[in-house]
N, C-alpha and C. Protein backbone atom coordinates (compact mmCIF):
# COMPACT_ATOMS: atom_id res chain seq x y z
N MET A 1 -10.08 -5.58 -16.44
CA MET A 1 -10.23 -4.39 -15.60
C MET A 1 -8.94 -3.57 -15.70
N ASN A 2 -9.07 -2.26 -15.82
CA ASN A 2 -7.87 -1.44 -15.98
C ASN A 2 -7.14 -1.25 -14.64
N SER A 3 -5.90 -0.81 -14.72
CA SER A 3 -5.04 -0.73 -13.53
C SER A 3 -5.53 0.31 -12.52
N ASN A 4 -6.20 1.37 -12.98
CA ASN A 4 -6.72 2.36 -12.04
C ASN A 4 -7.82 1.77 -11.15
N LYS A 5 -8.69 0.97 -11.76
CA LYS A 5 -9.76 0.34 -10.98
C LYS A 5 -9.18 -0.69 -10.01
N ILE A 6 -8.21 -1.45 -10.46
CA ILE A 6 -7.57 -2.45 -9.59
C ILE A 6 -6.91 -1.76 -8.40
N GLY A 7 -6.21 -0.65 -8.66
CA GLY A 7 -5.58 0.11 -7.58
C GLY A 7 -6.59 0.69 -6.60
N ALA A 8 -7.72 1.17 -7.11
CA ALA A 8 -8.77 1.72 -6.24
C ALA A 8 -9.36 0.62 -5.35
N ILE A 9 -9.55 -0.56 -5.91
CA ILE A 9 -10.06 -1.69 -5.13
C ILE A 9 -9.05 -2.07 -4.04
N SER A 10 -7.77 -2.08 -4.39
CA SER A 10 -6.73 -2.39 -3.39
C SER A 10 -6.75 -1.39 -2.25
N GLU A 11 -6.89 -0.11 -2.56
CA GLU A 11 -6.94 0.91 -1.52
C GLU A 11 -8.14 0.70 -0.60
N GLN A 12 -9.29 0.35 -1.16
CA GLN A 12 -10.48 0.11 -0.34
C GLN A 12 -10.29 -1.11 0.56
N ARG A 13 -9.64 -2.14 0.05
CA ARG A 13 -9.36 -3.32 0.87
C ARG A 13 -8.44 -2.97 2.04
N VAL A 14 -7.45 -2.13 1.78
CA VAL A 14 -6.52 -1.72 2.83
C VAL A 14 -7.25 -0.87 3.88
N ILE A 15 -8.15 -0.01 3.45
CA ILE A 15 -8.93 0.79 4.40
C ILE A 15 -9.71 -0.14 5.33
N CYS A 16 -10.36 -1.15 4.79
CA CYS A 16 -11.10 -2.12 5.62
C CYS A 16 -10.17 -2.85 6.57
N TYR A 17 -8.99 -3.21 6.08
CA TYR A 17 -7.98 -3.90 6.90
C TYR A 17 -7.61 -3.04 8.11
N PHE A 18 -7.34 -1.76 7.89
CA PHE A 18 -6.96 -0.87 8.99
C PHE A 18 -8.13 -0.63 9.94
N LEU A 19 -9.34 -0.47 9.42
CA LEU A 19 -10.51 -0.27 10.26
C LEU A 19 -10.74 -1.49 11.16
N GLU A 20 -10.54 -2.68 10.61
CA GLU A 20 -10.68 -3.91 11.41
C GLU A 20 -9.64 -3.98 12.51
N LYS A 21 -8.48 -3.35 12.31
CA LYS A 21 -7.44 -3.30 13.34
C LYS A 21 -7.71 -2.21 14.38
N GLY A 22 -8.79 -1.44 14.20
CA GLY A 22 -9.17 -0.42 15.16
C GLY A 22 -8.50 0.93 14.94
N LEU A 23 -7.96 1.15 13.76
CA LEU A 23 -7.29 2.41 13.45
C LEU A 23 -8.25 3.38 12.78
N ASP A 24 -8.03 4.67 12.97
CA ASP A 24 -8.73 5.69 12.20
C ASP A 24 -7.97 5.85 10.89
N VAL A 25 -8.69 5.95 9.78
CA VAL A 25 -8.05 6.00 8.46
C VAL A 25 -8.47 7.28 7.74
N PHE A 26 -7.49 7.95 7.17
CA PHE A 26 -7.72 9.16 6.39
C PHE A 26 -7.24 8.91 4.97
N TYR A 27 -8.11 9.19 4.02
CA TYR A 27 -7.88 8.89 2.61
C TYR A 27 -7.40 10.14 1.88
N SER A 28 -6.42 9.99 1.02
CA SER A 28 -5.91 11.13 0.26
C SER A 28 -6.90 11.55 -0.82
N CYS A 29 -7.09 12.84 -0.97
CA CYS A 29 -8.00 13.33 -2.01
C CYS A 29 -7.25 13.66 -3.31
N GLN A 30 -5.93 13.41 -3.33
CA GLN A 30 -5.13 13.64 -4.54
C GLN A 30 -4.81 12.30 -5.21
N ASP A 31 -4.70 12.32 -6.51
CA ASP A 31 -4.36 11.10 -7.24
C ASP A 31 -2.85 10.88 -7.34
N THR A 32 -2.07 11.94 -7.27
CA THR A 32 -0.64 11.83 -7.56
C THR A 32 0.27 12.10 -6.38
N GLY A 33 -0.27 12.26 -5.19
CA GLY A 33 0.56 12.54 -4.03
C GLY A 33 1.36 11.31 -3.59
N PRO A 34 2.37 11.50 -2.74
CA PRO A 34 3.20 10.38 -2.31
C PRO A 34 2.51 9.47 -1.29
N VAL A 35 1.41 9.92 -0.68
CA VAL A 35 0.72 9.16 0.37
C VAL A 35 -0.69 8.81 -0.10
N ASP A 36 -1.07 7.53 0.07
CA ASP A 36 -2.43 7.10 -0.26
C ASP A 36 -3.34 7.19 0.97
N LEU A 37 -2.81 6.76 2.12
CA LEU A 37 -3.61 6.71 3.34
C LEU A 37 -2.78 7.18 4.54
N ILE A 38 -3.47 7.70 5.54
CA ILE A 38 -2.85 8.03 6.81
C ILE A 38 -3.66 7.31 7.89
N THR A 39 -2.96 6.63 8.80
CA THR A 39 -3.66 5.96 9.90
C THR A 39 -3.28 6.62 11.22
N PHE A 40 -4.24 6.59 12.14
CA PHE A 40 -4.03 7.14 13.47
C PHE A 40 -4.51 6.11 14.49
N ASN A 41 -3.61 5.73 15.39
CA ASN A 41 -3.94 4.81 16.46
C ASN A 41 -4.36 5.63 17.67
N THR A 42 -5.64 5.58 18.02
CA THR A 42 -6.16 6.41 19.11
C THR A 42 -5.65 5.96 20.48
N THR A 43 -5.16 4.74 20.58
CA THR A 43 -4.62 4.24 21.85
C THR A 43 -3.21 4.75 22.10
N THR A 44 -2.36 4.65 21.07
CA THR A 44 -0.95 5.01 21.23
C THR A 44 -0.61 6.40 20.71
N GLY A 45 -1.50 6.98 19.89
CA GLY A 45 -1.23 8.27 19.28
C GLY A 45 -0.32 8.19 18.06
N GLU A 46 -0.01 6.96 17.62
CA GLU A 46 0.89 6.78 16.48
C GLU A 46 0.19 7.14 15.17
N VAL A 47 0.88 7.93 14.35
CA VAL A 47 0.40 8.31 13.03
C VAL A 47 1.34 7.70 12.00
N LYS A 48 0.78 7.06 10.97
CA LYS A 48 1.59 6.47 9.90
C LYS A 48 1.03 6.88 8.54
N CYS A 49 1.95 7.10 7.61
CA CYS A 49 1.59 7.38 6.22
C CYS A 49 1.83 6.10 5.42
N TRP A 50 0.94 5.81 4.47
CA TRP A 50 1.00 4.57 3.71
C TRP A 50 0.90 4.81 2.21
N GLU A 51 1.66 4.03 1.48
CA GLU A 51 1.52 3.95 0.02
C GLU A 51 1.05 2.54 -0.30
N VAL A 52 -0.06 2.43 -1.01
CA VAL A 52 -0.66 1.14 -1.33
C VAL A 52 -0.19 0.69 -2.71
N LYS A 53 0.24 -0.56 -2.78
CA LYS A 53 0.66 -1.14 -4.07
C LYS A 53 -0.08 -2.46 -4.29
N THR A 54 -0.52 -2.68 -5.52
CA THR A 54 -1.11 -3.96 -5.90
C THR A 54 -0.01 -4.82 -6.47
N GLU A 55 0.15 -6.03 -5.93
CA GLU A 55 1.20 -6.93 -6.41
C GLU A 55 0.79 -7.54 -7.75
N ASN A 56 1.74 -7.57 -8.67
CA ASN A 56 1.55 -8.20 -9.97
C ASN A 56 2.63 -9.26 -10.14
N TYR A 57 2.34 -10.23 -10.99
CA TYR A 57 3.26 -11.34 -11.19
C TYR A 57 3.61 -11.49 -12.66
N ARG A 58 4.84 -11.94 -12.93
CA ARG A 58 5.29 -12.14 -14.31
C ARG A 58 4.47 -13.24 -14.97
N LEU A 59 4.02 -13.00 -16.20
CA LEU A 59 3.18 -13.95 -16.91
C LEU A 59 3.96 -14.88 -17.82
N SER A 60 5.21 -14.51 -18.14
CA SER A 60 6.00 -15.34 -19.05
C SER A 60 7.48 -15.19 -18.76
N GLY A 61 8.28 -15.95 -19.46
CA GLY A 61 9.72 -15.86 -19.31
C GLY A 61 10.25 -16.76 -18.21
N PRO A 62 11.56 -16.71 -17.99
CA PRO A 62 12.17 -17.60 -17.00
C PRO A 62 11.74 -17.30 -15.56
N LYS A 63 11.26 -16.11 -15.30
CA LYS A 63 10.82 -15.74 -13.95
C LYS A 63 9.29 -15.75 -13.83
N LYS A 64 8.62 -16.52 -14.69
CA LYS A 64 7.17 -16.59 -14.70
C LYS A 64 6.65 -16.94 -13.30
N GLY A 65 5.64 -16.19 -12.85
CA GLY A 65 5.05 -16.43 -11.55
C GLY A 65 5.69 -15.65 -10.41
N ASN A 66 6.85 -15.05 -10.66
CA ASN A 66 7.51 -14.25 -9.62
C ASN A 66 6.88 -12.86 -9.55
N PRO A 67 6.86 -12.26 -8.35
CA PRO A 67 6.28 -10.91 -8.24
C PRO A 67 7.12 -9.87 -8.96
N ILE A 68 6.45 -8.85 -9.48
CA ILE A 68 7.12 -7.73 -10.12
C ILE A 68 7.33 -6.66 -9.06
N SER A 69 8.54 -6.18 -8.93
CA SER A 69 8.84 -5.15 -7.94
C SER A 69 8.32 -3.81 -8.41
N ARG A 70 7.65 -3.09 -7.52
CA ARG A 70 7.12 -1.76 -7.82
C ARG A 70 7.86 -0.72 -7.01
N ARG A 71 8.27 0.35 -7.65
CA ARG A 71 9.00 1.42 -6.98
C ARG A 71 8.05 2.37 -6.26
N ARG A 72 8.61 3.05 -5.30
CA ARG A 72 7.85 4.10 -4.61
C ARG A 72 7.63 5.26 -5.58
N ARG A 73 6.57 6.00 -5.35
CA ARG A 73 6.30 7.17 -6.19
C ARG A 73 7.29 8.28 -5.92
N ASN A 74 7.71 8.41 -4.65
CA ASN A 74 8.62 9.50 -4.31
C ASN A 74 9.64 8.99 -3.30
N LYS A 75 10.88 8.83 -3.73
CA LYS A 75 11.93 8.30 -2.87
C LYS A 75 12.37 9.26 -1.78
N ASN A 76 12.01 10.54 -1.88
CA ASN A 76 12.40 11.52 -0.87
C ASN A 76 11.75 11.25 0.48
N PHE A 77 10.64 10.52 0.49
CA PHE A 77 9.90 10.28 1.71
C PHE A 77 10.00 8.84 2.21
N THR A 78 11.03 8.13 1.80
CA THR A 78 11.20 6.73 2.15
C THR A 78 11.18 6.51 3.67
N LYS A 79 11.72 7.43 4.42
CA LYS A 79 11.82 7.26 5.87
C LYS A 79 10.50 7.48 6.60
N ILE A 80 9.53 8.12 5.97
CA ILE A 80 8.28 8.40 6.68
C ILE A 80 7.06 7.73 6.09
N ILE A 81 7.18 7.13 4.91
CA ILE A 81 6.03 6.47 4.28
C ILE A 81 6.25 4.97 4.30
N ASP A 82 5.28 4.24 4.86
CA ASP A 82 5.32 2.78 4.87
C ASP A 82 4.59 2.25 3.65
N MET A 83 5.00 1.07 3.21
CA MET A 83 4.37 0.42 2.06
C MET A 83 3.43 -0.66 2.56
N ILE A 84 2.33 -0.86 1.84
CA ILE A 84 1.42 -1.97 2.11
C ILE A 84 1.00 -2.55 0.76
N TYR A 85 1.01 -3.88 0.67
CA TYR A 85 0.79 -4.56 -0.60
C TYR A 85 -0.47 -5.40 -0.55
N VAL A 86 -1.19 -5.45 -1.68
CA VAL A 86 -2.38 -6.27 -1.83
C VAL A 86 -2.15 -7.20 -3.02
N ASN A 87 -2.30 -8.52 -2.79
CA ASN A 87 -2.11 -9.43 -3.92
C ASN A 87 -3.44 -9.66 -4.65
N LYS A 88 -3.42 -10.42 -5.72
CA LYS A 88 -4.61 -10.58 -6.56
C LYS A 88 -5.73 -11.33 -5.86
N LYS A 89 -5.43 -12.05 -4.78
CA LYS A 89 -6.46 -12.73 -4.00
C LYS A 89 -7.00 -11.86 -2.87
N GLY A 90 -6.46 -10.65 -2.73
CA GLY A 90 -6.93 -9.72 -1.71
C GLY A 90 -6.17 -9.80 -0.40
N LYS A 91 -5.14 -10.65 -0.33
CA LYS A 91 -4.35 -10.76 0.89
C LYS A 91 -3.48 -9.52 1.03
N ILE A 92 -3.40 -9.00 2.26
CA ILE A 92 -2.67 -7.76 2.52
C ILE A 92 -1.40 -8.05 3.30
N ARG A 93 -0.33 -7.40 2.88
CA ARG A 93 0.98 -7.58 3.53
C ARG A 93 1.59 -6.21 3.76
N GLU A 94 1.90 -5.92 5.04
CA GLU A 94 2.57 -4.66 5.35
C GLU A 94 4.04 -4.78 5.01
N GLY A 95 4.56 -3.76 4.35
CA GLY A 95 5.98 -3.74 3.99
C GLY A 95 6.83 -3.37 5.18
N TRP A 96 8.11 -3.47 5.02
CA TRP A 96 9.06 -3.09 6.06
C TRP A 96 10.08 -2.16 5.48
N ARG A 97 10.68 -1.36 6.33
CA ARG A 97 11.64 -0.36 5.90
C ARG A 97 13.03 -0.78 6.33
N ARG A 98 14.00 -0.65 5.46
CA ARG A 98 15.40 -0.90 5.81
C ARG A 98 15.94 0.30 6.55
N GLU A 99 16.52 0.07 7.69
CA GLU A 99 17.15 1.16 8.43
C GLU A 99 18.59 1.28 7.97
N LYS A 100 19.02 2.49 7.65
CA LYS A 100 20.40 2.70 7.18
C LYS A 100 21.27 3.16 8.30
């Protein structure tokens, strides 16, 4: 399966994850924008922007089996965009931001 299809599946899994948490989810209609999803918590009024990444692992070499680090698409928005990761088994992990 090509990487575009894998990424699309990851985004759909994350949408289901957020819906199960009771959040409203808005999907980006652009392929290249810095944000994949926007969530809105109707209870608290909190709005969050998300970039979805599919985790990949090294297949060979001394670091075989270790995750491959993926960069953000746009570093200018690091303070306002949260990361969320989906592994090959479909497990979802919300990223965290370093405060400077």
